[in-house]
Amino acid sequence: MATVIIKRLAKSPFVLITVLVTLAAFSFTPRFPFKSFRNSLQQQRLFTVEELALYNGTDDTLPILLGILGSVFDVTKGKSHYGVGGGYHHFSGRDASRAFVSGNFTGDGLTDSLRGLSSTEVKSIVEWREFYFRSYTSGVMMASQG
């Protein structure tokens, strides 16, 4: 009886495709799925403004994080730029989206507020965020300053 069922299933192209897809899925599954799952959960963290400020490059035991349009990126690999003394350190530990187009890297200019910006300026910030998605690790989000 089992041989008859197997012979009928073997003739169906859908069964063959299903078996091949299943085998492919298993061959590409990480060896340590729980570790991978745990890491992905850590990457989906929501930061408050105060929490993100801790990741500004002044503590060598913490990664350097940068926020733009509510997305947070680990820019530690660019420590010479984003760390203390680096030319882009003012972006570290905060979402300073507005500064990407305003050039105001002090006080009120280091904010996530886009109020009053033109659509061209907002588009430019979106393009900066796309650069960070291509260049750095992302996956964490941030609560807005207001």
N, C-alpha and C. Protein backbone atom coordinates (compact mmCIF):
# COMPACT_ATOMS: atom_id res chain seq x y z
N MET A 1 0.82 -1.19 0.00
CA MET A 1 0.00 0.00 0.00
C MET A 1 0.87 1.26 0.00
N ALA A 2 1.89 1.30 0.87
CA ALA A 2 2.76 2.46 0.94
C ALA A 2 3.52 2.66 -0.37
N THR A 3 3.91 1.58 -1.01
CA THR A 3 4.64 1.70 -2.27
C THR A 3 3.76 2.31 -3.35
N VAL A 4 2.50 1.99 -3.37
CA VAL A 4 1.58 2.55 -4.36
C VAL A 4 1.45 4.06 -4.15
N ILE A 5 1.32 4.48 -2.91
CA ILE A 5 1.19 5.91 -2.60
C ILE A 5 2.47 6.65 -3.00
N ILE A 6 3.62 6.07 -2.69
CA ILE A 6 4.90 6.71 -3.03
C ILE A 6 5.05 6.81 -4.54
N LYS A 7 4.66 5.78 -5.28
CA LYS A 7 4.76 5.81 -6.74
C LYS A 7 3.86 6.90 -7.32
N ARG A 8 2.65 7.04 -6.79
CA ARG A 8 1.73 8.09 -7.28
C ARG A 8 2.27 9.49 -6.96
N LEU A 9 2.81 9.66 -5.75
CA LEU A 9 3.35 10.96 -5.37
C LEU A 9 4.57 11.33 -6.20
N ALA A 10 5.38 10.32 -6.52
CA ALA A 10 6.60 10.55 -7.28
C ALA A 10 6.30 11.04 -8.69
N LYS A 11 5.14 10.71 -9.23
CA LYS A 11 4.77 11.13 -10.58
C LYS A 11 4.28 12.58 -10.61
N SER A 12 3.93 13.14 -9.49
CA SER A 12 3.39 14.50 -9.44
C SER A 12 4.54 15.52 -9.41
N PRO A 13 4.52 16.48 -10.35
CA PRO A 13 5.58 17.50 -10.35
C PRO A 13 5.51 18.40 -9.10
N PHE A 14 4.33 18.56 -8.53
CA PHE A 14 4.19 19.41 -7.35
C PHE A 14 4.90 18.79 -6.14
N VAL A 15 4.85 17.48 -6.03
CA VAL A 15 5.53 16.81 -4.93
C VAL A 15 7.04 16.98 -5.08
N LEU A 16 7.53 16.81 -6.29
CA LEU A 16 8.95 16.96 -6.53
C LEU A 16 9.41 18.38 -6.18
N ILE A 17 8.66 19.38 -6.60
CA ILE A 17 8.99 20.77 -6.29
C ILE A 17 8.97 21.01 -4.79
N THR A 18 7.94 20.49 -4.12
CA THR A 18 7.83 20.65 -2.67
C THR A 18 9.02 20.03 -1.95
N VAL A 19 9.42 18.84 -2.36
CA VAL A 19 10.55 18.16 -1.74
C VAL A 19 11.83 18.96 -1.97
N LEU A 20 12.05 19.46 -3.19
CA LEU A 20 13.25 20.24 -3.48
C LEU A 20 13.29 21.54 -2.68
N VAL A 21 12.16 22.24 -2.58
CA VAL A 21 12.11 23.48 -1.81
C VAL A 21 12.38 23.20 -0.33
N THR A 22 11.81 22.12 0.19
CA THR A 22 12.03 21.77 1.59
C THR A 22 13.49 21.44 1.85
N LEU A 23 14.10 20.68 0.97
CA LEU A 23 15.52 20.36 1.13
C LEU A 23 16.38 21.62 1.05
N ALA A 24 16.06 22.50 0.13
CA ALA A 24 16.81 23.75 0.02
C ALA A 24 16.67 24.59 1.28
N ALA A 25 15.46 24.66 1.82
CA ALA A 25 15.23 25.43 3.05
C ALA A 25 16.05 24.89 4.21
N PHE A 26 16.10 23.59 4.34
CA PHE A 26 16.89 22.99 5.43
C PHE A 26 18.38 23.20 5.23
N SER A 27 18.84 23.20 3.99
CA SER A 27 20.27 23.37 3.76
C SER A 27 20.73 24.80 4.02
N PHE A 28 19.81 25.79 3.97
CA PHE A 28 20.17 27.19 4.22
C PHE A 28 19.79 27.65 5.62
N THR A 29 19.28 26.77 6.45
CA THR A 29 18.91 27.12 7.81
C THR A 29 20.18 27.29 8.64
N PRO A 30 20.27 28.36 9.46
CA PRO A 30 21.47 28.53 10.29
C PRO A 30 21.66 27.34 11.23
N ARG A 31 22.90 27.04 11.54
CA ARG A 31 23.18 25.91 12.42
C ARG A 31 22.74 26.16 13.84
N PHE A 32 22.72 27.42 14.25
CA PHE A 32 22.31 27.79 15.60
C PHE A 32 21.11 28.72 15.51
N PRO A 33 19.94 28.19 15.17
CA PRO A 33 18.79 29.06 14.93
C PRO A 33 18.38 29.88 16.15
N PHE A 34 18.59 29.36 17.35
CA PHE A 34 18.17 30.12 18.54
C PHE A 34 19.07 31.32 18.75
N LYS A 35 20.36 31.16 18.51
CA LYS A 35 21.28 32.29 18.63
C LYS A 35 20.93 33.36 17.59
N SER A 36 20.68 32.93 16.37
CA SER A 36 20.32 33.86 15.31
C SER A 36 19.02 34.58 15.65
N PHE A 37 18.06 33.85 16.18
CA PHE A 37 16.77 34.44 16.56
C PHE A 37 16.97 35.46 17.68
N ARG A 38 17.80 35.12 18.66
CA ARG A 38 18.06 36.03 19.77
C ARG A 38 18.72 37.31 19.26
N ASN A 39 19.69 37.18 18.34
CA ASN A 39 20.35 38.36 17.78
C ASN A 39 19.38 39.24 17.03
N SER A 40 18.45 38.65 16.29
CA SER A 40 17.50 39.46 15.55
C SER A 40 16.55 40.18 16.49
N LEU A 41 16.23 39.57 17.63
CA LEU A 41 15.40 40.25 18.61
C LEU A 41 16.13 41.44 19.21
N GLN A 42 17.42 41.28 19.47
CA GLN A 42 18.20 42.39 20.03
C GLN A 42 18.27 43.54 19.05
N GLN A 43 18.30 43.25 17.77
CA GLN A 43 18.39 44.29 16.76
C GLN A 43 17.08 45.06 16.62
N GLN A 44 15.99 44.51 17.04
CA GLN A 44 14.69 45.16 16.90
C GLN A 44 14.31 45.93 18.16
N ARG A 45 15.26 46.53 18.80
CA ARG A 45 15.05 47.23 20.05
C ARG A 45 14.57 48.66 19.80
N LEU A 46 13.71 49.15 20.66
CA LEU A 46 13.25 50.53 20.61
C LEU A 46 14.02 51.33 21.65
N PHE A 47 14.73 52.35 21.21
CA PHE A 47 15.51 53.21 22.10
C PHE A 47 14.75 54.49 22.41
N THR A 48 14.85 54.94 23.65
CA THR A 48 14.40 56.29 23.96
C THR A 48 15.56 57.22 23.64
N VAL A 49 15.28 58.51 23.61
CA VAL A 49 16.33 59.50 23.34
C VAL A 49 17.45 59.37 24.38
N GLU A 50 17.06 59.19 25.64
CA GLU A 50 18.05 59.08 26.71
C GLU A 50 18.90 57.82 26.58
N GLU A 51 18.28 56.71 26.21
CA GLU A 51 19.04 55.46 26.04
C GLU A 51 20.02 55.57 24.87
N LEU A 52 19.57 56.13 23.77
CA LEU A 52 20.44 56.24 22.60
C LEU A 52 21.65 57.12 22.89
N ALA A 53 21.46 58.12 23.74
CA ALA A 53 22.56 59.03 24.09
C ALA A 53 23.74 58.30 24.73
N LEU A 54 23.50 57.14 25.33
CA LEU A 54 24.58 56.36 25.95
C LEU A 54 25.53 55.78 24.90
N TYR A 55 25.08 55.67 23.68
CA TYR A 55 25.85 55.03 22.61
C TYR A 55 26.51 56.07 21.71
N ASN A 56 27.10 57.09 22.33
CA ASN A 56 27.67 58.21 21.57
C ASN A 56 29.17 58.09 21.33
N GLY A 57 29.75 56.97 21.67
CA GLY A 57 31.17 56.75 21.40
C GLY A 57 32.09 57.09 22.55
N THR A 58 31.54 57.55 23.66
CA THR A 58 32.40 57.90 24.80
C THR A 58 32.72 56.70 25.68
N ASP A 59 31.97 55.62 25.55
CA ASP A 59 32.19 54.39 26.32
C ASP A 59 32.67 53.31 25.36
N ASP A 60 33.93 52.92 25.49
CA ASP A 60 34.52 51.94 24.56
C ASP A 60 33.88 50.56 24.63
N THR A 61 33.10 50.30 25.69
CA THR A 61 32.47 48.98 25.82
C THR A 61 31.14 48.91 25.08
N LEU A 62 30.65 50.04 24.58
CA LEU A 62 29.37 50.08 23.88
C LEU A 62 29.58 50.40 22.41
N PRO A 63 28.68 49.90 21.55
CA PRO A 63 28.78 50.28 20.14
C PRO A 63 28.42 51.76 19.96
N ILE A 64 28.79 52.32 18.84
CA ILE A 64 28.41 53.69 18.52
C ILE A 64 27.18 53.62 17.61
N LEU A 65 26.10 54.27 18.04
CA LEU A 65 24.86 54.24 17.28
C LEU A 65 24.52 55.63 16.77
N LEU A 66 23.88 55.67 15.62
CA LEU A 66 23.46 56.91 14.98
C LEU A 66 22.03 56.75 14.53
N GLY A 67 21.19 57.74 14.77
CA GLY A 67 19.81 57.69 14.33
C GLY A 67 19.56 58.64 13.19
N ILE A 68 18.71 58.20 12.26
CA ILE A 68 18.26 59.07 11.17
C ILE A 68 16.87 58.63 10.76
N LEU A 69 15.93 59.56 10.80
CA LEU A 69 14.52 59.30 10.49
C LEU A 69 13.95 58.14 11.30
N GLY A 70 14.36 58.04 12.55
CA GLY A 70 13.83 57.01 13.44
C GLY A 70 14.51 55.66 13.34
N SER A 71 15.37 55.46 12.35
CA SER A 71 16.13 54.22 12.22
C SER A 71 17.48 54.43 12.89
N VAL A 72 17.95 53.40 13.57
CA VAL A 72 19.22 53.50 14.28
C VAL A 72 20.22 52.54 13.66
N PHE A 73 21.45 53.01 13.48
CA PHE A 73 22.49 52.23 12.82
C PHE A 73 23.70 52.10 13.72
N ASP A 74 24.33 50.94 13.67
CA ASP A 74 25.58 50.71 14.40
C ASP A 74 26.72 51.17 13.49
N VAL A 75 27.32 52.30 13.84
CA VAL A 75 28.38 52.88 13.03
C VAL A 75 29.76 52.68 13.66
N THR A 76 29.84 51.69 14.54
CA THR A 76 31.10 51.43 15.26
C THR A 76 32.26 51.19 14.29
N LYS A 77 32.00 50.54 13.17
CA LYS A 77 33.10 50.27 12.23
C LYS A 77 33.69 51.57 11.66
N GLY A 78 32.97 52.67 11.78
CA GLY A 78 33.48 53.97 11.37
C GLY A 78 33.88 54.81 12.57
N LYS A 79 34.43 54.15 13.59
CA LYS A 79 34.77 54.82 14.85
C LYS A 79 35.66 56.05 14.65
N SER A 80 36.56 56.01 13.69
CA SER A 80 37.44 57.16 13.46
C SER A 80 36.64 58.39 13.02
N HIS A 81 35.46 58.16 12.46
CA HIS A 81 34.59 59.27 12.02
C HIS A 81 33.53 59.62 13.08
N TYR A 82 32.94 58.58 13.69
CA TYR A 82 31.80 58.79 14.59
C TYR A 82 32.16 58.77 16.06
N GLY A 83 33.39 58.35 16.38
CA GLY A 83 33.83 58.33 17.76
C GLY A 83 34.27 59.71 18.23
N VAL A 84 34.67 59.79 19.48
CA VAL A 84 35.12 61.06 20.06
C VAL A 84 36.27 61.62 19.22
N GLY A 85 36.16 62.87 18.84
CA GLY A 85 37.18 63.52 18.03
C GLY A 85 36.98 63.36 16.53
N GLY A 86 36.05 62.50 16.14
CA GLY A 86 35.77 62.30 14.72
C GLY A 86 34.92 63.43 14.15
N GLY A 87 35.03 63.64 12.86
CA GLY A 87 34.32 64.72 12.20
C GLY A 87 32.80 64.60 12.23
N TYR A 88 32.29 63.38 12.44
CA TYR A 88 30.84 63.16 12.47
C TYR A 88 30.35 62.77 13.87
N HIS A 89 31.17 63.00 14.89
CA HIS A 89 30.80 62.60 16.25
C HIS A 89 29.49 63.24 16.70
N HIS A 90 29.18 64.43 16.19
CA HIS A 90 27.94 65.12 16.59
C HIS A 90 26.69 64.32 16.22
N PHE A 91 26.78 63.37 15.28
CA PHE A 91 25.64 62.54 14.92
C PHE A 91 25.47 61.33 15.85
N SER A 92 26.51 60.98 16.58
CA SER A 92 26.51 59.76 17.39
C SER A 92 25.64 59.90 18.64
N GLY A 93 24.92 58.81 18.93
CA GLY A 93 24.10 58.77 20.14
C GLY A 93 22.83 59.59 20.05
N ARG A 94 22.37 59.89 18.86
CA ARG A 94 21.14 60.69 18.70
C ARG A 94 20.59 60.54 17.30
N ASP A 95 19.35 61.01 17.13
CA ASP A 95 18.77 61.14 15.80
C ASP A 95 18.83 62.62 15.46
N ALA A 96 19.78 62.98 14.65
CA ALA A 96 19.97 64.38 14.25
C ALA A 96 19.64 64.53 12.77
N SER A 97 18.51 63.98 12.36
CA SER A 97 18.13 63.96 10.95
C SER A 97 18.23 65.34 10.30
N ARG A 98 17.74 66.38 10.97
CA ARG A 98 17.73 67.72 10.41
C ARG A 98 19.14 68.20 10.04
N ALA A 99 20.13 67.87 10.85
CA ALA A 99 21.50 68.33 10.63
C ALA A 99 22.09 67.79 9.33
N PHE A 100 21.57 66.69 8.81
CA PHE A 100 22.08 66.14 7.56
C PHE A 100 21.89 67.11 6.40
N VAL A 101 20.90 68.00 6.49
CA VAL A 101 20.69 68.97 5.41
C VAL A 101 20.88 70.41 5.86
N SER A 102 20.76 70.66 7.15
CA SER A 102 20.87 72.05 7.62
C SER A 102 22.32 72.48 7.82
N GLY A 103 23.18 71.54 8.15
CA GLY A 103 24.56 71.87 8.45
C GLY A 103 24.73 72.49 9.83
N ASN A 104 23.65 72.55 10.59
CA ASN A 104 23.70 73.09 11.96
C ASN A 104 23.98 71.93 12.90
N PHE A 105 25.21 71.83 13.37
CA PHE A 105 25.64 70.71 14.20
C PHE A 105 25.72 71.06 15.68
N THR A 106 24.99 72.07 16.09
CA THR A 106 24.98 72.48 17.50
C THR A 106 23.54 72.65 17.98
N GLY A 107 23.36 72.48 19.28
CA GLY A 107 22.08 72.77 19.94
C GLY A 107 20.84 72.31 19.19
N ASP A 108 20.01 73.29 18.80
CA ASP A 108 18.71 72.99 18.17
C ASP A 108 18.84 72.32 16.81
N GLY A 109 19.99 72.43 16.17
CA GLY A 109 20.18 71.81 14.86
C GLY A 109 20.30 70.30 14.93
N LEU A 110 20.67 69.78 16.09
CA LEU A 110 20.83 68.33 16.27
C LEU A 110 19.52 67.74 16.76
N THR A 111 18.55 67.68 15.88
CA THR A 111 17.21 67.21 16.22
C THR A 111 16.66 66.31 15.13
N ASP A 112 15.64 65.54 15.48
CA ASP A 112 14.98 64.70 14.48
C ASP A 112 13.81 65.43 13.83
N SER A 113 13.52 66.64 14.25
CA SER A 113 12.39 67.40 13.71
C SER A 113 12.65 67.80 12.26
N LEU A 114 11.67 67.57 11.41
CA LEU A 114 11.76 67.95 10.00
C LEU A 114 10.85 69.13 9.69
N ARG A 115 10.27 69.73 10.72
CA ARG A 115 9.37 70.86 10.51
C ARG A 115 10.06 71.98 9.75
N GLY A 116 9.36 72.47 8.73
CA GLY A 116 9.86 73.60 7.96
C GLY A 116 10.81 73.23 6.84
N LEU A 117 11.18 71.96 6.71
CA LEU A 117 12.07 71.55 5.63
C LEU A 117 11.28 71.38 4.34
N SER A 118 11.92 71.67 3.23
CA SER A 118 11.28 71.48 1.93
C SER A 118 11.25 70.00 1.58
N SER A 119 10.46 69.64 0.59
CA SER A 119 10.40 68.23 0.17
C SER A 119 11.75 67.79 -0.39
N THR A 120 12.49 68.68 -1.00
CA THR A 120 13.82 68.35 -1.51
C THR A 120 14.77 68.02 -0.36
N GLU A 121 14.69 68.80 0.73
CA GLU A 121 15.54 68.54 1.88
C GLU A 121 15.19 67.22 2.55
N VAL A 122 13.88 66.93 2.66
CA VAL A 122 13.45 65.66 3.25
C VAL A 122 13.93 64.50 2.38
N LYS A 123 13.82 64.66 1.07
CA LYS A 123 14.30 63.61 0.15
C LYS A 123 15.79 63.37 0.35
N SER A 124 16.54 64.43 0.57
CA SER A 124 17.97 64.29 0.80
C SER A 124 18.25 63.50 2.07
N ILE A 125 17.48 63.74 3.13
CA ILE A 125 17.65 62.98 4.37
C ILE A 125 17.31 61.51 4.13
N VAL A 126 16.26 61.24 3.36
CA VAL A 126 15.89 59.85 3.03
C VAL A 126 17.05 59.18 2.29
N GLU A 127 17.70 59.90 1.40
CA GLU A 127 18.85 59.35 0.68
C GLU A 127 20.01 59.07 1.62
N TRP A 128 20.22 59.94 2.62
CA TRP A 128 21.24 59.66 3.62
C TRP A 128 20.92 58.38 4.38
N ARG A 129 19.65 58.22 4.74
CA ARG A 129 19.26 57.01 5.46
C ARG A 129 19.51 55.77 4.60
N GLU A 130 19.22 55.86 3.31
CA GLU A 130 19.49 54.74 2.41
C GLU A 130 20.98 54.40 2.39
N PHE A 131 21.82 55.43 2.43
CA PHE A 131 23.28 55.22 2.51
C PHE A 131 23.62 54.40 3.75
N TYR A 132 23.03 54.76 4.90
CA TYR A 132 23.32 54.03 6.13
C TYR A 132 22.78 52.60 6.07
N PHE A 133 21.63 52.39 5.45
CA PHE A 133 21.12 51.03 5.29
C PHE A 133 22.09 50.19 4.46
N ARG A 134 22.70 50.77 3.45
CA ARG A 134 23.64 50.04 2.60
C ARG A 134 24.98 49.82 3.29
N SER A 135 25.38 50.75 4.15
CA SER A 135 26.75 50.75 4.67
C SER A 135 26.93 50.22 6.08
N TYR A 136 25.87 50.23 6.89
CA TYR A 136 26.00 49.88 8.30
C TYR A 136 24.90 48.94 8.74
N THR A 137 25.11 48.29 9.88
CA THR A 137 24.12 47.39 10.45
C THR A 137 22.96 48.20 11.00
N SER A 138 21.75 47.77 10.69
CA SER A 138 20.57 48.48 11.18
C SER A 138 19.60 47.48 11.78
N GLY A 139 18.47 47.96 12.17
CA GLY A 139 17.44 47.08 12.69
C GLY A 139 16.84 47.56 13.99
N VAL A 140 17.43 48.57 14.58
CA VAL A 140 16.85 49.10 15.81
C VAL A 140 16.12 50.38 15.48
N MET A 141 15.12 50.69 16.26
CA MET A 141 14.34 51.89 16.03
C MET A 141 14.42 52.79 17.26
N MET A 142 13.97 53.99 17.11
CA MET A 142 14.09 54.97 18.18
C MET A 142 12.78 55.70 18.37
N ALA A 143 12.46 56.03 19.60
CA ALA A 143 11.30 56.85 19.89
C ALA A 143 11.63 58.30 19.56
N SER A 144 10.69 59.00 18.97
CA SER A 144 10.90 60.38 18.53
C SER A 144 11.06 61.33 19.72
N GLN A 145 11.80 62.42 19.47
CA GLN A 145 11.96 63.46 20.49
C GLN A 145 10.70 64.31 20.58
N GLY A 146 9.87 64.28 19.57
CA GLY A 146 8.64 65.05 19.66
C GLY A 146 8.23 65.70 18.44
